[in-house]
Protein backbone atom coordinates (compact mmCIF):
# COMPACT_ATOMS: atom_id res chain seq x y z
CA MET A 1 0.00 0.00 0.00
CA SER A 2 1.37 3.44 -0.97
CA GLU A 3 2.37 5.84 1.78
CA GLN A 4 -0.15 8.61 2.42
CA VAL A 5 1.68 11.89 1.97
CA ILE A 6 -1.36 14.16 2.51
CA ARG A 7 -4.66 13.38 4.16
CA ILE A 8 -7.31 15.96 4.99
CA THR A 9 -10.49 14.78 6.70
CA ASP A 10 -13.73 16.80 6.94
CA GLY A 11 -11.70 19.97 6.40
CA GLY A 12 -13.45 23.30 6.88
CA VAL A 13 -12.05 26.84 6.70
CA VAL A 14 -13.84 30.08 7.56
CA LEU A 15 -12.34 33.48 6.78
CA GLY A 16 -14.01 36.75 7.69
CA GLY A 17 -17.09 34.86 8.85
CA ARG A 18 -17.52 33.24 5.44
CA PRO A 19 -17.04 29.50 4.78
CA ILE A 20 -14.24 29.00 2.24
CA LEU A 21 -13.76 25.22 2.48
CA ARG A 22 -16.41 22.72 3.57
CA GLY A 23 -16.25 18.98 4.16
CA ILE A 24 -12.98 18.44 2.32
CA GLU A 25 -11.85 14.82 2.05
CA LEU A 26 -8.58 14.37 0.19
CA THR A 27 -5.75 11.82 0.21
CA VAL A 28 -2.58 12.10 -1.86
CA ASN A 29 -0.25 9.10 -1.98
CA ARG A 30 3.48 8.94 -2.58
CA GLY A 31 4.45 9.46 -6.21
CA GLU A 32 1.15 10.97 -7.34
CA VAL A 33 0.96 14.16 -9.38
CA VAL A 34 -2.35 15.75 -8.42
CA ALA A 35 -3.69 18.84 -10.18
CA VAL A 36 -6.17 21.00 -8.24
CA LEU A 37 -8.33 22.93 -10.71
CA GLY A 38 -11.19 25.37 -10.31
CA ALA A 39 -12.46 28.85 -11.05
CA ASN A 40 -11.31 31.91 -9.13
CA GLY A 41 -12.74 31.82 -5.61
CA SER A 42 -13.39 28.07 -5.67
CA GLY A 43 -11.01 27.44 -2.75
CA LYS A 44 -7.93 26.04 -4.53
CA SER A 45 -5.28 28.19 -2.87
CA THR A 46 -7.03 28.04 0.51
CA LEU A 47 -6.93 24.24 0.29
CA VAL A 48 -3.16 24.32 -0.25
CA ARG A 49 -2.61 26.80 2.57
CA ALA A 50 -4.74 24.71 4.93
CA ILE A 51 -2.73 21.59 4.10
CA LEU A 52 0.51 23.45 4.85
CA GLY A 53 -0.80 24.96 8.09
CA LEU A 54 -0.68 28.50 6.71
CA THR A 55 -4.45 28.90 7.05
CA PRO A 56 -6.10 27.35 10.14
CA LEU A 57 -8.87 24.79 9.87
CA ARG A 58 -12.15 25.58 11.62
CA ARG A 59 -12.96 21.89 11.66
CA GLY A 60 -11.44 18.62 10.50
CA SER A 61 -7.81 17.52 10.44
CA VAL A 62 -4.72 17.31 8.25
CA GLN A 63 -2.03 14.64 8.29
CA LEU A 64 1.34 14.92 6.55
CA PHE A 65 3.35 11.76 5.97
CA GLY A 66 1.12 10.02 8.51
CA ALA A 67 1.57 12.58 11.31
CA PRO A 68 -1.00 15.16 12.49
CA ALA A 69 -0.04 18.49 10.92
CA ASP A 70 0.09 20.28 14.27
CA ARG A 71 2.73 17.80 15.45
CA PHE A 72 4.54 17.34 12.15
CA LYS A 73 8.29 17.95 12.43
CA GLY A 74 9.48 17.10 8.93
CA TRP A 75 8.84 20.40 7.15
CA ARG A 76 12.20 20.04 5.41
CA ARG A 77 10.55 17.26 3.38
CA ILE A 78 8.13 19.76 1.82
CA GLY A 79 8.88 22.33 -0.88
CA PHE A 80 6.39 25.13 -1.52
CA VAL A 81 6.24 27.36 -4.59
CA PRO A 82 3.74 30.18 -3.92
CA GLN A 83 2.18 32.45 -6.50
CA ARG A 84 4.94 34.59 -7.97
CA THR A 85 3.15 37.90 -7.45
CA THR A 86 3.22 37.45 -3.68
CA ALA A 87 6.70 36.04 -3.34
CA THR A 88 9.42 37.98 -5.16
CA ALA A 89 8.07 41.48 -5.67
CA GLY A 90 10.60 43.97 -4.32
CA VAL A 91 12.94 41.31 -2.92
CA PRO A 92 16.44 42.95 -2.70
CA ALA A 93 18.33 39.67 -3.01
CA SER A 94 20.26 37.78 -5.64
CA VAL A 95 19.13 34.58 -7.29
CA TRP A 96 21.68 32.63 -5.21
CA GLU A 97 20.47 34.17 -1.94
CA VAL A 98 16.82 33.42 -2.62
CA VAL A 99 17.52 29.85 -3.69
CA ALA A 100 19.87 29.32 -0.72
CA SER A 101 17.00 30.22 1.62
CA GLY A 102 15.45 26.93 0.55
CA ARG A 103 18.17 25.11 2.52
CA LEU A 104 17.46 26.84 5.84
CA ALA A 105 15.22 24.06 7.09
CA GLN A 106 18.16 21.66 6.72
CA LEU A 107 20.39 23.76 9.03
CA ARG A 108 20.50 24.41 12.75
CA PRO A 109 20.04 28.05 13.85
CA LEU A 110 23.10 30.14 12.89
CA GLN A 111 24.79 27.13 11.30
CA PRO A 112 26.79 28.11 8.19
CA MET A 113 26.06 26.40 4.89
CA ARG A 114 27.94 23.17 4.36
CA ARG A 115 29.41 21.92 1.11
CA LYS A 116 26.37 19.72 0.47
CA ASP A 117 24.07 22.73 1.00
CA LYS A 118 26.01 24.81 -1.52
CA ASP A 119 25.98 21.91 -3.96
CA ALA A 120 22.19 21.59 -3.58
CA VAL A 121 21.74 25.32 -4.27
CA ARG A 122 24.04 25.18 -7.29
CA GLU A 123 22.27 22.12 -8.70
CA ALA A 124 18.84 23.71 -8.20
CA ILE A 125 19.86 26.90 -10.01
CA ASP A 126 21.35 24.85 -12.82
CA ALA A 127 18.17 22.74 -13.04
CA VAL A 128 16.09 25.83 -13.86
CA GLY A 129 18.65 27.18 -16.34
CA LEU A 130 19.74 30.25 -14.39
CA SER A 131 23.39 29.47 -13.65
CA ASP A 132 24.49 32.54 -15.60
CA ARG A 133 22.19 34.77 -13.50
CA ALA A 134 23.03 33.40 -10.04
CA GLY A 135 24.57 36.68 -8.88
CA ASP A 136 21.89 38.92 -10.35
CA GLY A 137 19.14 40.55 -8.33
CA CYS A 138 15.71 38.94 -8.63
CA SER A 139 14.20 42.31 -9.49
CA THR A 140 16.20 42.34 -12.75
CA LEU A 141 14.68 39.08 -13.98
CA SER A 142 11.66 38.53 -16.20
CA GLY A 143 8.47 37.08 -14.77
CA GLY A 144 9.26 33.61 -16.07
CA GLN A 145 12.78 33.77 -14.65
CA GLN A 146 11.47 34.90 -11.26
CA GLN A 147 9.16 31.92 -11.23
CA ARG A 148 12.09 29.63 -11.97
CA VAL A 149 13.93 31.13 -8.99
CA LEU A 150 11.05 30.14 -6.71
CA ILE A 151 11.05 26.65 -8.18
CA ALA A 152 14.81 26.41 -7.60
CA ARG A 153 14.35 27.53 -4.00
CA ALA A 154 11.94 24.65 -3.43
CA LEU A 155 14.20 22.20 -5.27
CA ALA A 156 17.20 23.19 -3.14
CA GLY A 157 15.53 21.55 -0.16
CA ARG A 158 15.26 18.30 -2.16
CA PRO A 159 11.66 17.77 -1.02
CA ASP A 160 9.67 14.56 -0.98
CA LEU A 161 6.50 16.63 -1.51
CA LEU A 162 6.38 19.64 -3.81
CA VAL A 163 3.36 21.95 -3.52
CA LEU A 164 2.87 24.55 -6.26
CA ASP A 165 0.26 27.31 -6.23
CA GLU A 166 -0.48 28.44 -9.80
CA PRO A 167 3.20 28.35 -10.78
CA THR A 168 2.56 29.16 -14.45
CA ALA A 169 0.17 32.10 -13.94
CA GLY A 170 1.41 35.02 -16.06
CA VAL A 171 4.39 33.00 -17.33
CA ASP A 172 5.20 32.79 -21.04
CA LEU A 173 4.84 29.50 -22.89
CA ALA A 174 8.59 28.93 -23.25
CA SER A 175 9.02 29.17 -19.47
CA GLN A 176 6.04 26.85 -18.99
CA ASP A 177 7.76 24.27 -21.20
CA THR A 178 10.96 24.59 -19.14
CA PHE A 179 8.95 24.21 -15.95
CA ALA A 180 7.20 21.10 -17.29
CA GLU A 181 10.57 19.50 -18.04
CA ILE A 182 11.79 20.24 -14.50
CA LEU A 183 8.69 18.61 -13.02
CA ARG A 184 9.07 15.63 -15.33
CA ARG A 185 12.52 14.95 -13.91
CA LEU A 186 11.18 15.21 -10.35
CA VAL A 187 8.34 12.82 -11.14
CA ASP A 188 10.85 10.33 -12.50
CA GLN A 189 12.68 10.57 -9.16
CA GLY A 190 9.48 9.76 -7.24
CA THR A 191 8.60 13.20 -5.93
CA THR A 192 4.95 13.68 -4.94
CA ILE A 193 3.45 16.84 -6.47
CA LEU A 194 0.32 18.82 -5.59
CA LEU A 195 -0.28 21.47 -8.24
CA VAL A 196 -2.86 24.26 -8.21
CA ALA A 197 -3.73 25.62 -11.66
CA HIS A 198 -6.41 27.08 -13.90
CA GLU A 199 -5.36 25.21 -17.03
CA MET A 200 -2.80 22.44 -17.53
CA GLY A 201 -1.02 23.53 -20.71
CA PRO A 202 2.40 21.80 -21.06
CA LEU A 203 1.94 20.19 -17.63
CA GLU A 204 -1.02 18.06 -18.72
CA PRO A 205 0.98 14.90 -19.66
CA LEU A 206 2.47 14.75 -16.14
CA ILE A 207 -0.83 14.69 -14.24
CA SER A 208 -1.94 11.37 -12.76
CA ARG A 209 -5.11 12.68 -11.10
CA THR A 210 -7.34 15.76 -11.09
CA VAL A 211 -9.23 17.35 -8.20
CA VAL A 212 -11.72 20.08 -9.12
CA MET A 213 -12.87 22.62 -6.54
CA ARG A 214 -16.26 24.30 -6.75
CA ASP A 215 -17.73 26.62 -4.09
CA GLY A 216 -15.33 25.38 -1.43
CA ARG A 217 -16.03 21.69 -2.04
CA ILE A 218 -14.44 18.94 -4.09
CA ALA A 219 -16.67 18.58 -7.13
CA TYR A 220 -14.55 15.98 -8.91
CA ASP A 221 -11.70 13.66 -7.94
CA GLY A 222 -10.60 11.21 -10.59
CA PRO A 223 -8.75 10.64 -13.86
CA PRO A 224 -6.87 13.61 -15.34
CA LEU A 225 -8.76 16.50 -16.92
CA GLU A 226 -7.26 19.31 -18.98
CA SER A 227 -9.62 21.91 -17.55
CA PHE A 228 -12.02 22.29 -14.63
CA ARG A 229 -14.67 22.97 -17.29
CA ASP A 230 -14.33 19.34 -18.39
CA VAL A 231 -15.85 17.95 -15.18
CA PRO A 232 -18.30 15.16 -16.10
CA HIS A 233 -21.37 15.99 -14.01
CA ALA A 234 -22.40 12.36 -13.79
CA HIS A 235 -19.18 11.65 -11.94
CA ALA A 236 -19.05 14.73 -9.73
CA HIS A 237 -17.72 13.95 -6.29
CA HIS A 238 -19.35 15.66 -3.30
CA PRO A 239 -17.91 13.89 -0.25
CA ALA A 240 -19.58 16.18 2.26
CA GLU A 241 -23.15 16.19 1.00
CA HIS A 242 -24.14 13.18 3.07
CA ARG A 243 -23.13 15.00 6.27
CA ALA A 244 -25.45 17.02 8.45
CA HIS A 245 -25.52 20.66 7.39
CA VAL A 246 -23.18 22.85 9.41
CA ASP A 247 -23.80 26.60 9.61
CA TYR A 248 -20.26 27.83 10.11
CA SER A 249 -21.38 31.47 10.39
CA LEU A 250 -22.99 30.82 13.76
CA ASP A 251 -19.59 30.31 15.33
CA VAL A 252 -18.49 33.81 16.37
CA ARG A 253 -14.83 32.88 16.87
CA THR A 254 -12.43 34.04 14.17
CA PRO A 255 -9.52 32.15 12.59
CA VAL A 256 -7.17 34.41 14.55
CA ASP A 257 -8.33 32.72 17.76
CA ARG A 258 -6.76 29.50 16.58
CA ALA A 259 -3.84 30.80 14.54
CA ALA A 260 -1.40 30.43 17.43
CA HIS A 261 -2.00 26.69 17.46
CA HIS A 262 -0.85 26.46 13.85
CA ALA A 263 2.10 28.85 13.98
CA ASP A 264 4.75 26.24 14.85
CA GLY A 265 6.43 24.35 12.07
CA ASP A 266 5.80 26.54 9.03
CA GLY A 267 9.24 28.11 9.07
CA GLY A 268 10.54 25.50 6.69
CA LEU A 269 8.15 26.71 4.00
CA ARG A 270 9.43 30.24 3.73
């Protein structure tokens, strides 16, 4: 039986008094490449952030590599590539410095980088084709190059699980092709990938399974689709509809009340 890398059970998220995720049931096994599709506002990015502990659950639970997320200690096993527009804008750092930050979870506090850390950074930069720009500031790069820097930062940690939030949004087709080739090599090495996207494009051949979000629920979970518009209604998956209705808005607590319980352990994702 394959190892469960991600498992979320009856997951619910409320932000600003509004339910964003409801009754989420999702399991991702080792070696899978799962694409999460859906329209804007469907809950895709919130799902990823809830899995990583960056957005607190109002109800339900998350397990990572078989351990409850709030007690999970292996964050170095996870690489996260956030949306480019929120990650590199105005960063006064070189390509090397940003990618090197992906090794921090492998080091003790104040420990200098070891040879193997520098080798991992160098290999990650080379993998995304930016060796000749390693000393350049990120602000001087094109959008596609900036995205490759974020991918390299995640790769530098040599993760077992790679989570990507709309990595090709606003990126030119040539950069998307390069990105697809990078992911193909990772898949061949057995890396588990959870990918949030609007459309698949060059990534479509890599996908082993599609999850489609609709109105904060999983509307489809099955064989690969090229687009969330391709969801076959006869096979729509609504895992929470058999549950008793829960009116989340009646709970007057806010997510901030619980945020402290989820603060530990996310440092390895920065």
